[in-house]
Amino acid sequence: MTNELLRHIASSRLPLSFHRREDIEQVRALRAQGLVIALVPAPTDPLSMTGPAEAAQVLALTQKGRAAASGGLHIPVASSAPEDAMPTLARGAGPGFDRAPRPAASPAR
């Protein structure tokens, strides 16, 4: 179902809003996977992470999202991810990540 929604988003004019709870959860999952840039509602009760979801708005597809929508990338079925889940890079996962940190700059005199 998430693949279908991603293809729908890719073929639509953006920004695109979703109001059904199921669609909002799917947009939240697509965002957590780094496939779309979207505004999703924050929970109204932060302690229980619940509350009414009004709407989600997809602003753009990422390059990864475009590849997935065109069939070049398989999207695994994701369980509902926390709203603020963002992809993380492991040490050495990209250019510059395997180097030692630079020393702090000395103050100007």
PDB file of N, CA and C in Angstrom:
ATOM      1  N   MET A   1       0.820  -1.199   0.000  1.00  0.00           N
ATOM      2  CA  MET A   1       0.000   0.000   0.000  1.00  0.00           C
ATOM      3  C   MET A   1       0.861   1.258   0.000  1.00  0.00           C
ATOM      4  N   THR A   2       1.983   1.234   0.739  1.00  0.00           N
ATOM      5  CA  THR A   2       2.863   2.395   0.766  1.00  0.00           C
ATOM      6  C   THR A   2       3.468   2.646  -0.609  1.00  0.00           C
ATOM      7  N   ASN A   3       3.784   1.572  -1.346  1.00  0.00           N
ATOM      8  CA  ASN A   3       4.313   1.734  -2.706  1.00  0.00           C
ATOM      9  C   ASN A   3       3.293   2.437  -3.594  1.00  0.00           C
ATOM     10  N   GLU A   4       2.027   2.063  -3.471  1.00  0.00           N
ATOM     11  CA  GLU A   4       0.978   2.686  -4.267  1.00  0.00           C
ATOM     12  C   GLU A   4       0.857   4.177  -3.924  1.00  0.00           C
ATOM     13  N   LEU A   5       0.914   4.491  -2.648  1.00  0.00           N
ATOM     14  CA  LEU A   5       0.823   5.894  -2.238  1.00  0.00           C
ATOM     15  C   LEU A   5       2.013   6.685  -2.776  1.00  0.00           C
ATOM     16  N   LEU A   6       3.199   6.095  -2.730  1.00  0.00           N
ATOM     17  CA  LEU A   6       4.389   6.787  -3.240  1.00  0.00           C
ATOM     18  C   LEU A   6       4.247   7.050  -4.735  1.00  0.00           C
ATOM     19  N   ARG A   7       3.750   6.089  -5.489  1.00  0.00           N
ATOM     20  CA  ARG A   7       3.549   6.295  -6.928  1.00  0.00           C
ATOM     21  C   ARG A   7       2.482   7.370  -7.174  1.00  0.00           C
ATOM     22  N   HIS A   8       1.442   7.380  -6.346  1.00  0.00           N
ATOM     23  CA  HIS A   8       0.409   8.422  -6.458  1.00  0.00           C
ATOM     24  C   HIS A   8       1.014   9.806  -6.204  1.00  0.00           C
ATOM     25  N   ILE A   9       1.853   9.895  -5.181  1.00  0.00           N
ATOM     26  CA  ILE A   9       2.510  11.171  -4.863  1.00  0.00           C
ATOM     27  C   ILE A   9       3.409  11.603  -6.018  1.00  0.00           C
ATOM     28  N   ALA A  10       4.159  10.648  -6.587  1.00  0.00           N
ATOM     29  CA  ALA A  10       5.089  10.970  -7.673  1.00  0.00           C
ATOM     30  C   ALA A  10       4.372  11.483  -8.922  1.00  0.00           C
ATOM     31  N   SER A  11       3.140  11.028  -9.126  1.00  0.00           N
ATOM     32  CA  SER A  11       2.415  11.442 -10.329  1.00  0.00           C
ATOM     33  C   SER A  11       1.485  12.630 -10.083  1.00  0.00           C
ATOM     34  N   SER A  12       1.523  13.190  -8.886  1.00  0.00           N
ATOM     35  CA  SER A  12       0.633  14.302  -8.528  1.00  0.00           C
ATOM     36  C   SER A  12       1.395  15.618  -8.447  1.00  0.00           C
ATOM     37  N   ARG A  13       0.644  16.677  -8.513  1.00  0.00           N
ATOM     38  CA  ARG A  13       1.210  18.007  -8.329  1.00  0.00           C
ATOM     39  C   ARG A  13       1.380  18.243  -6.829  1.00  0.00           C
ATOM     40  N   LEU A  14       2.550  18.712  -6.437  1.00  0.00           N
ATOM     41  CA  LEU A  14       2.849  18.936  -5.020  1.00  0.00           C
ATOM     42  C   LEU A  14       2.785  20.418  -4.692  1.00  0.00           C
ATOM     43  N   PRO A  15       2.460  20.776  -3.473  1.00  0.00           N
ATOM     44  CA  PRO A  15       2.250  19.951  -2.285  1.00  0.00           C
ATOM     45  C   PRO A  15       0.918  19.211  -2.356  1.00  0.00           C
ATOM     46  N   LEU A  16       0.860  18.083  -1.652  1.00  0.00           N
ATOM     47  CA  LEU A  16      -0.312  17.218  -1.642  1.00  0.00           C
ATOM     48  C   LEU A  16      -0.686  16.934  -0.196  1.00  0.00           C
ATOM     49  N   SER A  17      -1.963  17.121   0.141  1.00  0.00           N
ATOM     50  CA  SER A  17      -2.424  16.922   1.520  1.00  0.00           C
ATOM     51  C   SER A  17      -3.208  15.623   1.652  1.00  0.00           C
ATOM     52  N   PHE A  18      -3.079  14.994   2.820  1.00  0.00           N
ATOM     53  CA  PHE A  18      -3.797  13.767   3.145  1.00  0.00           C
ATOM     54  C   PHE A  18      -4.503  13.963   4.472  1.00  0.00           C
ATOM     55  N   HIS A  19      -5.770  13.525   4.526  1.00  0.00           N
ATOM     56  CA  HIS A  19      -6.577  13.739   5.726  1.00  0.00           C
ATOM     57  C   HIS A  19      -7.018  12.443   6.400  1.00  0.00           C
ATOM     58  N   ARG A  20      -7.011  11.326   5.681  1.00  0.00           N
ATOM     59  CA  ARG A  20      -7.404  10.049   6.297  1.00  0.00           C
ATOM     60  C   ARG A  20      -6.286   9.547   7.190  1.00  0.00           C
ATOM     61  N   ARG A  21      -6.655   8.986   8.322  1.00  0.00           N
ATOM     62  CA  ARG A  21      -5.678   8.503   9.310  1.00  0.00           C
ATOM     63  C   ARG A  21      -4.703   7.493   8.695  1.00  0.00           C
ATOM     64  N   GLU A  22      -5.208   6.578   7.863  1.00  0.00           N
ATOM     65  CA  GLU A  22      -4.345   5.565   7.232  1.00  0.00           C
ATOM     66  C   GLU A  22      -3.316   6.223   6.316  1.00  0.00           C
ATOM     67  N   ASP A  23      -3.762   7.219   5.549  1.00  0.00           N
ATOM     68  CA  ASP A  23      -2.851   7.923   4.641  1.00  0.00           C
ATOM     69  C   ASP A  23      -1.793   8.702   5.423  1.00  0.00           C
ATOM     70  N   ILE A  24      -2.204   9.314   6.524  1.00  0.00           N
ATOM     71  CA  ILE A  24      -1.263  10.080   7.344  1.00  0.00           C
ATOM     72  C   ILE A  24      -0.191   9.159   7.896  1.00  0.00           C
ATOM     73  N   GLU A  25      -0.579   7.970   8.341  1.00  0.00           N
ATOM     74  CA  GLU A  25       0.400   7.008   8.861  1.00  0.00           C
ATOM     75  C   GLU A  25       1.350   6.542   7.764  1.00  0.00           C
ATOM     76  N   GLN A  26       0.832   6.364   6.551  1.00  0.00           N
ATOM     77  CA  GLN A  26       1.695   5.969   5.434  1.00  0.00           C
ATOM     78  C   GLN A  26       2.666   7.083   5.068  1.00  0.00           C
ATOM     79  N   VAL A  27       2.191   8.320   5.073  1.00  0.00           N
ATOM     80  CA  VAL A  27       3.087   9.461   4.807  1.00  0.00           C
ATOM     81  C   VAL A  27       4.168   9.515   5.886  1.00  0.00           C
ATOM     82  N   ARG A  28       3.786   9.280   7.129  1.00  0.00           N
ATOM     83  CA  ARG A  28       4.744   9.264   8.235  1.00  0.00           C
ATOM     84  C   ARG A  28       5.811   8.180   7.994  1.00  0.00           C
ATOM     85  N   ALA A  29       5.396   6.997   7.517  1.00  0.00           N
ATOM     86  CA  ALA A  29       6.337   5.912   7.225  1.00  0.00           C
ATOM     87  C   ALA A  29       7.251   6.273   6.054  1.00  0.00           C
ATOM     88  N   LEU A  30       6.700   6.888   5.005  1.00  0.00           N
ATOM     89  CA  LEU A  30       7.517   7.311   3.860  1.00  0.00           C
ATOM     90  C   LEU A  30       8.551   8.348   4.290  1.00  0.00           C
ATOM     91  N   ARG A  31       8.136   9.252   5.153  1.00  0.00           N
ATOM     92  CA  ARG A  31       9.060  10.273   5.669  1.00  0.00           C
ATOM     93  C   ARG A  31      10.173   9.626   6.499  1.00  0.00           C
ATOM     94  N   ALA A  32       9.813   8.676   7.344  1.00  0.00           N
ATOM     95  CA  ALA A  32      10.801   8.002   8.184  1.00  0.00           C
ATOM     96  C   ALA A  32      11.821   7.227   7.345  1.00  0.00           C
ATOM     97  N   GLN A  33      11.410   6.764   6.175  1.00  0.00           N
ATOM     98  CA  GLN A  33      12.310   6.033   5.280  1.00  0.00           C
ATOM     99  C   GLN A  33      13.123   6.965   4.392  1.00  0.00           C
ATOM    100  N   GLY A  34      12.875   8.274   4.490  1.00  0.00           N
ATOM    101  CA  GLY A  34      13.626   9.243   3.698  1.00  0.00           C
ATOM    102  C   GLY A  34      13.174   9.329   2.257  1.00  0.00           C
ATOM    103  N   LEU A  35      11.918   8.953   1.971  1.00  0.00           N
ATOM    104  CA  LEU A  35      11.425   8.962   0.604  1.00  0.00           C
ATOM    105  C   LEU A  35      10.690  10.253   0.236  1.00  0.00           C
ATOM    106  N   VAL A  36      10.157  10.935   1.226  1.00  0.00           N
ATOM    107  CA  VAL A  36       9.448  12.191   0.983  1.00  0.00           C
ATOM    108  C   VAL A  36       9.848  13.224   2.030  1.00  0.00           C
ATOM    109  N   ILE A  37       9.648  14.478   1.676  1.00  0.00           N
ATOM    110  CA  ILE A  37       9.758  15.575   2.635  1.00  0.00           C
ATOM    111  C   ILE A  37       8.318  15.964   2.924  1.00  0.00           C
ATOM    112  N   ALA A  38       7.920  15.814   4.184  1.00  0.00           N
ATOM    113  CA  ALA A  38       6.517  16.002   4.518  1.00  0.00           C
ATOM    114  C   ALA A  38       6.359  16.637   5.893  1.00  0.00           C
ATOM    115  N   LEU A  39       5.252  17.335   6.047  1.00  0.00           N
ATOM    116  CA  LEU A  39       4.839  17.852   7.340  1.00  0.00           C
ATOM    117  C   LEU A  39       3.788  16.895   7.877  1.00  0.00           C
ATOM    118  N   VAL A  40       4.050  16.340   9.030  1.00  0.00           N
ATOM    119  CA  VAL A  40       3.094  15.418   9.633  1.00  0.00           C
ATOM    120  C   VAL A  40       2.692  15.970  10.993  1.00  0.00           C
ATOM    121  N   PRO A  41       1.459  15.700  11.415  1.00  0.00           N
ATOM    122  CA  PRO A  41       1.006  16.255  12.682  1.00  0.00           C
ATOM    123  C   PRO A  41       1.743  15.646  13.860  1.00  0.00           C
ATOM    124  N   ALA A  42       2.034  16.490  14.833  1.00  0.00           N
ATOM    125  CA  ALA A  42       2.650  16.026  16.075  1.00  0.00           C
ATOM    126  C   ALA A  42       1.553  15.483  16.970  1.00  0.00           C
ATOM    127  N   PRO A  43       1.890  14.526  17.800  1.00  0.00           N
ATOM    128  CA  PRO A  43       0.875  14.022  18.726  1.00  0.00           C
ATOM    129  C   PRO A  43       0.459  15.118  19.701  1.00  0.00           C
ATOM    130  N   THR A  44      -0.823  15.165  20.026  1.00  0.00           N
ATOM    131  CA  THR A  44      -1.293  16.187  20.956  1.00  0.00           C
ATOM    132  C   THR A  44      -1.009  15.817  22.395  1.00  0.00           C
ATOM    133  N   ASP A  45      -0.800  14.532  22.659  1.00  0.00           N
ATOM    134  CA  ASP A  45      -0.445  14.070  23.995  1.00  0.00           C
ATOM    135  C   ASP A  45       0.948  13.458  23.925  1.00  0.00           C
ATOM    136  N   PRO A  46       2.006  14.257  24.152  1.00  0.00           N
ATOM    137  CA  PRO A  46       3.367  13.764  23.959  1.00  0.00           C
ATOM    138  C   PRO A  46       3.748  12.611  24.887  1.00  0.00           C
ATOM    139  N   LEU A  47       3.084  12.462  26.011  1.00  0.00           N
ATOM    140  CA  LEU A  47       3.430  11.359  26.914  1.00  0.00           C
ATOM    141  C   LEU A  47       2.993  10.009  26.359  1.00  0.00           C
ATOM    142  N   SER A  48       1.833   9.975  25.732  1.00  0.00           N
ATOM    143  CA  SER A  48       1.366   8.710  25.177  1.00  0.00           C
ATOM    144  C   SER A  48       1.581   8.634  23.666  1.00  0.00           C
ATOM    145  N   MET A  49       2.103   9.716  23.057  1.00  0.00           N
ATOM    146  CA  MET A  49       2.360   9.789  21.621  1.00  0.00           C
ATOM    147  C   MET A  49       1.087   9.528  20.817  1.00  0.00           C
ATOM    148  N   THR A  50      -0.036  10.016  21.297  1.00  0.00           N
ATOM    149  CA  THR A  50      -1.299   9.843  20.591  1.00  0.00           C
ATOM    150  C   THR A  50      -2.004  11.184  20.466  1.00  0.00           C
ATOM    151  N   GLY A  51      -3.059  11.176  19.724  1.00  0.00           N
ATOM    152  CA  GLY A  51      -3.873  12.374  19.554  1.00  0.00           C
ATOM    153  C   GLY A  51      -4.437  12.402  18.163  1.00  0.00           C
ATOM    154  N   PRO A  52      -5.398  13.250  17.928  1.00  0.00           N
ATOM    155  CA  PRO A  52      -6.016  13.299  16.602  1.00  0.00           C
ATOM    156  C   PRO A  52      -5.042  13.860  15.568  1.00  0.00           C
ATOM    157  N   ALA A  53      -4.969  13.202  14.437  1.00  0.00           N
ATOM    158  CA  ALA A  53      -4.133  13.670  13.335  1.00  0.00           C
ATOM    159  C   ALA A  53      -5.022  14.415  12.359  1.00  0.00           C
ATOM    160  N   GLU A  54      -4.721  15.677  12.115  1.00  0.00           N
ATOM    161  CA  GLU A  54      -5.553  16.497  11.248  1.00  0.00           C
ATOM    162  C   GLU A  54      -5.233  16.274   9.777  1.00  0.00           C
ATOM    163  N   ALA A  55      -3.965  16.421   9.402  1.00  0.00           N
ATOM    164  CA  ALA A  55      -3.570  16.272   8.003  1.00  0.00           C
ATOM    165  C   ALA A  55      -2.059  16.135   7.913  1.00  0.00           C
ATOM    166  N   ALA A  56      -1.617  15.515   6.839  1.00  0.00           N
ATOM    167  CA  ALA A  56      -0.187  15.447   6.511  1.00  0.00           C
ATOM    168  C   ALA A  56      -0.035  16.091   5.138  1.00  0.00           C
ATOM    169  N   GLN A  57       1.062  16.790   4.948  1.00  0.00           N
ATOM    170  CA  GLN A  57       1.283  17.459   3.671  1.00  0.00           C
ATOM    171  C   GLN A  57       2.637  17.040   3.126  1.00  0.00           C
ATOM    172  N   VAL A  58       2.629  16.458   1.926  1.00  0.00           N
ATOM    173  CA  VAL A  58       3.867  16.068   1.251  1.00  0.00           C
ATOM    174  C   VAL A  58       4.321  17.252   0.418  1.00  0.00           C
ATOM    175  N   LEU A  59       5.557  17.695   0.690  1.00  0.00           N
ATOM    176  CA  LEU A  59       6.095  18.860  -0.008  1.00  0.00           C
ATOM    177  C   LEU A  59       6.940  18.472  -1.214  1.00  0.00           C
ATOM    178  N   ALA A  60       7.659  17.337  -1.107  1.00  0.00           N
ATOM    179  CA  ALA A  60       8.556  16.931  -2.191  1.00  0.00           C
ATOM    180  C   ALA A  60       8.923  15.472  -2.058  1.00  0.00           C
ATOM    181  N   LEU A  61       9.374  14.898  -3.162  1.00  0.00           N
ATOM    182  CA  LEU A  61       9.971  13.561  -3.163  1.00  0.00           C
ATOM    183  C   LEU A  61      11.478  13.723  -3.080  1.00  0.00           C
ATOM    184  N   THR A  62      12.138  12.860  -2.353  1.00  0.00           N
ATOM    185  CA  THR A  62      13.599  12.870  -2.338  1.00  0.00           C
ATOM    186  C   THR A  62      14.099  12.082  -3.551  1.00  0.00           C
ATOM    187  N   GLN A  63      15.393  12.106  -3.802  1.00  0.00           N
ATOM    188  CA  GLN A  63      15.949  11.306  -4.900  1.00  0.00           C
ATOM    189  C   GLN A  63      15.670   9.827  -4.666  1.00  0.00           C
ATOM    190  N   LYS A  64      15.803   9.412  -3.432  1.00  0.00           N
ATOM    191  CA  LYS A  64      15.510   8.015  -3.070  1.00  0.00           C
ATOM    192  C   LYS A  64      14.030   7.706  -3.328  1.00  0.00           C
ATOM    193  N   GLY A  65      13.158   8.658  -3.036  1.00  0.00           N
ATOM    194  CA  GLY A  65      11.733   8.484  -3.286  1.00  0.00           C
ATOM    195  C   GLY A  65      11.415   8.384  -4.764  1.00  0.00           C
ATOM    196  N   ARG A  66      12.078   9.202  -5.584  1.00  0.00           N
ATOM    197  CA  ARG A  66      11.871   9.128  -7.034  1.00  0.00           C
ATOM    198  C   ARG A  66      12.313   7.779  -7.580  1.00  0.00           C
ATOM    199  N   ALA A  67      13.458   7.284  -7.089  1.00  0.00           N
ATOM    200  CA  ALA A  67      13.942   5.981  -7.532  1.00  0.00           C
ATOM    201  C   ALA A  67      12.967   4.874  -7.141  1.00  0.00           C
ATOM    202  N   ALA A  68      12.441   4.953  -5.925  1.00  0.00           N
ATOM    203  CA  ALA A  68      11.488   3.937  -5.461  1.00  0.00           C
ATOM    204  C   ALA A  68      10.187   4.010  -6.253  1.00  0.00           C
ATOM    205  N   ALA A  69       9.715   5.209  -6.558  1.00  0.00           N
ATOM    206  CA  ALA A  69       8.460   5.370  -7.291  1.00  0.00           C
ATOM    207  C   ALA A  69       8.573   4.857  -8.719  1.00  0.00           C
ATOM    208  N   SER A  70       9.764   4.964  -9.296  1.00  0.00           N
ATOM    209  CA  SER A  70       9.947   4.505 -10.670  1.00  0.00           C
ATOM    210  C   SER A  70      10.260   3.014 -10.737  1.00  0.00           C
ATOM    211  N   GLY A  71      10.297   2.359  -9.590  1.00  0.00           N
ATOM    212  CA  GLY A  71      10.529   0.914  -9.574  1.00  0.00           C
ATOM    213  C   GLY A  71      11.985   0.530  -9.419  1.00  0.00           C
ATOM    214  N   GLY A  72      12.857   1.510  -9.254  1.00  0.00           N
ATOM    215  CA  GLY A  72      14.278   1.225  -9.129  1.00  0.00           C
ATOM    216  C   GLY A  72      14.717   0.861  -7.728  1.00  0.00           C
ATOM    217  N   LEU A  73      13.818   0.933  -6.759  1.00  0.00           N
ATOM    218  CA  LEU A  73      14.171   0.661  -5.373  1.00  0.00           C
ATOM    219  C   LEU A  73      12.980   0.022  -4.700  1.00  0.00           C
ATOM    220  N   HIS A  74      13.211  -1.081  -3.987  1.00  0.00           N
ATOM    221  CA  HIS A  74      12.131  -1.764  -3.277  1.00  0.00           C
ATOM    222  C   HIS A  74      11.922  -1.106  -1.927  1.00  0.00           C
ATOM    223  N   ILE A  75      10.663  -0.843  -1.579  1.00  0.00           N
ATOM    224  CA  ILE A  75      10.330  -0.247  -0.285  1.00  0.00           C
ATOM    225  C   ILE A  75       9.829  -1.361   0.616  1.00  0.00           C
ATOM    226  N   PRO A  76      10.553  -1.673   1.690  1.00  0.00           N
ATOM    227  CA  PRO A  76      10.048  -2.695   2.607  1.00  0.00           C
ATOM    228  C   PRO A  76       8.827  -2.177   3.347  1.00  0.00           C
ATOM    229  N   VAL A  77       7.952  -3.102   3.711  1.00  0.00           N
ATOM    230  CA  VAL A  77       6.789  -2.712   4.498  1.00  0.00           C
ATOM    231  C   VAL A  77       7.279  -2.370   5.884  1.00  0.00           C
ATOM    232  N   ALA A  78       7.033  -1.127   6.298  1.00  0.00           N
ATOM    233  CA  ALA A  78       7.544  -0.653   7.581  1.00  0.00           C
ATOM    234  C   ALA A  78       6.437  -0.630   8.608  1.00  0.00           C
ATOM    235  N   SER A  79       6.795  -0.969   9.818  1.00  0.00           N
ATOM    236  CA  SER A  79       5.843  -0.772  10.899  1.00  0.00           C
ATOM    237  C   SER A  79       5.769   0.711  11.159  1.00  0.00           C
ATOM    238  N   SER A  80       4.778   1.139  11.905  1.00  0.00           N
ATOM    239  CA  SER A  80       4.664   2.575  12.142  1.00  0.00           C
ATOM    240  C   SER A  80       5.867   3.034  12.948  1.00  0.00           C
ATOM    241  N   ALA A  81       6.604   3.959  12.364  1.00  0.00           N
ATOM    242  CA  ALA A  81       7.821   4.476  12.979  1.00  0.00           C
ATOM    243  C   ALA A  81       7.490   5.688  13.820  1.00  0.00           C
ATOM    244  N   PRO A  82       8.294   5.974  14.818  1.00  0.00           N
ATOM    245  CA  PRO A  82       8.076   7.211  15.574  1.00  0.00           C
ATOM    246  C   PRO A  82       8.132   8.400  14.637  1.00  0.00           C
ATOM    247  N   GLU A  83       7.352   9.405  14.944  1.00  0.00           N
ATOM    248  CA  GLU A  83       7.233  10.559  14.064  1.00  0.00           C
ATOM    249  C   GLU A  83       8.564  11.222  13.769  1.00  0.00           C
ATOM    250  N   ASP A  84       9.413  11.293  14.772  1.00  0.00           N
ATOM    251  CA  ASP A  84      10.667  12.016  14.573  1.00  0.00           C
ATOM    252  C   ASP A  84      11.806  11.103  14.159  1.00  0.00           C
ATOM    253  N   ALA A  85      11.512   9.874  13.734  1.00  0.00           N
ATOM    254  CA  ALA A  85      12.567   8.955  13.313  1.00  0.00           C
ATOM    255  C   ALA A  85      13.205   9.478  12.035  1.00  0.00           C
ATOM    256  N   MET A  86      14.483   9.580  12.048  1.00  0.00           N
ATOM    257  CA  MET A  86      15.220  10.020  10.883  1.00  0.00           C
ATOM    258  C   MET A  86      16.294   8.995  10.594  1.00  0.00           C
ATOM    259  N   PRO A  87      16.636   8.783   9.323  1.00  0.00           N
ATOM    260  CA  PRO A  87      17.694   7.839   9.030  1.00  0.00           C
ATOM    261  C   PRO A  87      19.007   8.308   9.644  1.00  0.00           C
ATOM    262  N   THR A  88      19.794   7.374  10.132  1.00  0.00           N
ATOM    263  CA  THR A  88      21.080   7.717  10.716  1.00  0.00           C
ATOM    264  C   THR A  88      22.189   7.044   9.928  1.00  0.00           C
ATOM    265  N   LEU A  89      23.348   7.642   9.926  1.00  0.00           N
ATOM    266  CA  LEU A  89      24.501   7.081   9.243  1.00  0.00           C
ATOM    267  C   LEU A  89      25.435   6.441  10.258  1.00  0.00           C
ATOM    268  N   ALA A  90      25.868   5.250   9.938  1.00  0.00           N
ATOM    269  CA  ALA A  90      26.843   4.594  10.796  1.00  0.00           C
ATOM    270  C   ALA A  90      28.209   5.203  10.543  1.00  0.00           C
ATOM    271  N   ARG A  91      29.107   5.073  11.490  1.00  0.00           N
ATOM    272  CA  ARG A  91      30.459   5.604  11.317  1.00  0.00           C
ATOM    273  C   ARG A  91      31.088   4.975  10.088  1.00  0.00           C
ATOM    274  N   GLY A  92      31.637   5.801   9.235  1.00  0.00           N
ATOM    275  CA  GLY A  92      32.274   5.323   8.012  1.00  0.00           C
ATOM    276  C   GLY A  92      31.269   5.100   6.891  1.00  0.00           C
ATOM    277  N   ALA A  93      30.041   5.575   7.039  1.00  0.00           N
ATOM    278  CA  ALA A  93      29.007   5.311   6.053  1.00  0.00           C
ATOM    279  C   ALA A  93      29.041   6.264   4.865  1.00  0.00           C
ATOM    280  N   GLY A  94      29.812   7.297   4.930  1.00  0.00           N
ATOM    281  CA  GLY A  94      29.815   8.240   3.826  1.00  0.00           C
ATOM    282  C   GLY A  94      31.110   9.008   3.772  1.00  0.00           C
ATOM    283  N   PRO A  95      31.277   9.842   2.746  1.00  0.00           N
ATOM    284  CA  PRO A  95      32.516  10.605   2.624  1.00  0.00           C
ATOM    285  C   PRO A  95      32.710  11.527   3.819  1.00  0.00           C
ATOM    286  N   GLY A  96      33.880  11.488   4.369  1.00  0.00           N
ATOM    287  CA  GLY A  96      34.206  12.358   5.479  1.00  0.00           C
ATOM    288  C   GLY A  96      33.871  11.788   6.838  1.00  0.00           C
ATOM    289  N   PHE A  97      33.104  10.706   6.896  1.00  0.00           N
ATOM    290  CA  PHE A  97      32.705  10.151   8.175  1.00  0.00           C
ATOM    291  C   PHE A  97      33.775   9.247   8.784  1.00  0.00           C
ATOM    292  N   ASP A  98      34.752   8.851   7.986  1.00  0.00           N
ATOM    293  CA  ASP A  98      35.777   7.955   8.505  1.00  0.00           C
ATOM    294  C   ASP A  98      37.036   8.706   8.941  1.00  0.00           C
ATOM    295  N   ARG A  99      37.028  10.023   8.831  1.00  0.00           N
ATOM    296  CA  ARG A  99      38.185  10.815   9.237  1.00  0.00           C
ATOM    297  C   ARG A  99      38.042  11.247  10.693  1.00  0.00           C
ATOM    298  N   ALA A 100      39.171  11.510  11.284  1.00  0.00           N
ATOM    299  CA  ALA A 100      39.182  12.007  12.668  1.00  0.00           C
ATOM    300  C   ALA A 100      38.635  13.428  12.685  1.00  0.00           C
ATOM    301  N   PRO A 101      38.004  13.845  13.783  1.00  0.00           N
ATOM    302  CA  PRO A 101      37.485  15.205  13.852  1.00  0.00           C
ATOM    303  C   PRO A 101      38.599  16.243  13.770  1.00  0.00           C
ATOM    304  N   ARG A 102      38.285  17.392  13.200  1.00  0.00           N
ATOM    305  CA  ARG A 102      39.263  18.481  13.085  1.00  0.00           C
ATOM    306  C   ARG A 102      39.436  19.154  14.444  1.00  0.00           C
ATOM    307  N   PRO A 103      40.646  19.647  14.723  1.00  0.00           N
ATOM    308  CA  PRO A 103      40.828  20.392  15.978  1.00  0.00           C
ATOM    309  C   PRO A 103      40.081  21.714  15.893  1.00  0.00           C
ATOM    310  N   ALA A 104      39.692  22.215  17.051  1.00  0.00           N
ATOM    311  CA  ALA A 104      38.970  23.494  17.111  1.00  0.00           C
ATOM    312  C   ALA A 104      39.872  24.623  16.640  1.00  0.00           C
ATOM    313  N   ALA A 105      39.262  25.603  15.984  1.00  0.00           N
ATOM    314  CA  ALA A 105      40.013  26.745  15.488  1.00  0.00           C
ATOM    315  C   ALA A 105      40.496  27.590  16.678  1.00  0.00           C
ATOM    316  N   SER A 106      41.698  28.117  16.550  1.00  0.00           N
ATOM    317  CA  SER A 106      42.206  28.967  17.626  1.00  0.00           C
ATOM    318  C   SER A 106      41.564  30.336  17.532  1.00  0.00           C
ATOM    319  N   PRO A 107      41.334  30.988  18.665  1.00  0.00           N
ATOM    320  CA  PRO A 107      40.690  32.305  18.648  1.00  0.00           C
ATOM    321  C   PRO A 107      41.547  33.347  17.932  1.00  0.00           C
ATOM    322  N   ALA A 108      40.902  34.285  17.259  1.00  0.00           N
ATOM    323  CA  ALA A 108      41.612  35.361  16.559  1.00  0.00           C
ATOM    324  C   ALA A 108      42.238  36.291  17.576  1.00  0.00           C
ATOM    325  N   ARG A 109      43.395  36.817  17.249  1.00  0.00           N
ATOM    326  CA  ARG A 109      44.097  37.717  18.168  1.00  0.00           C
ATOM    327  C   ARG A 109      44.038  39.123  17.700  1.00  0.00           C
TER     328      ARG A 109
END
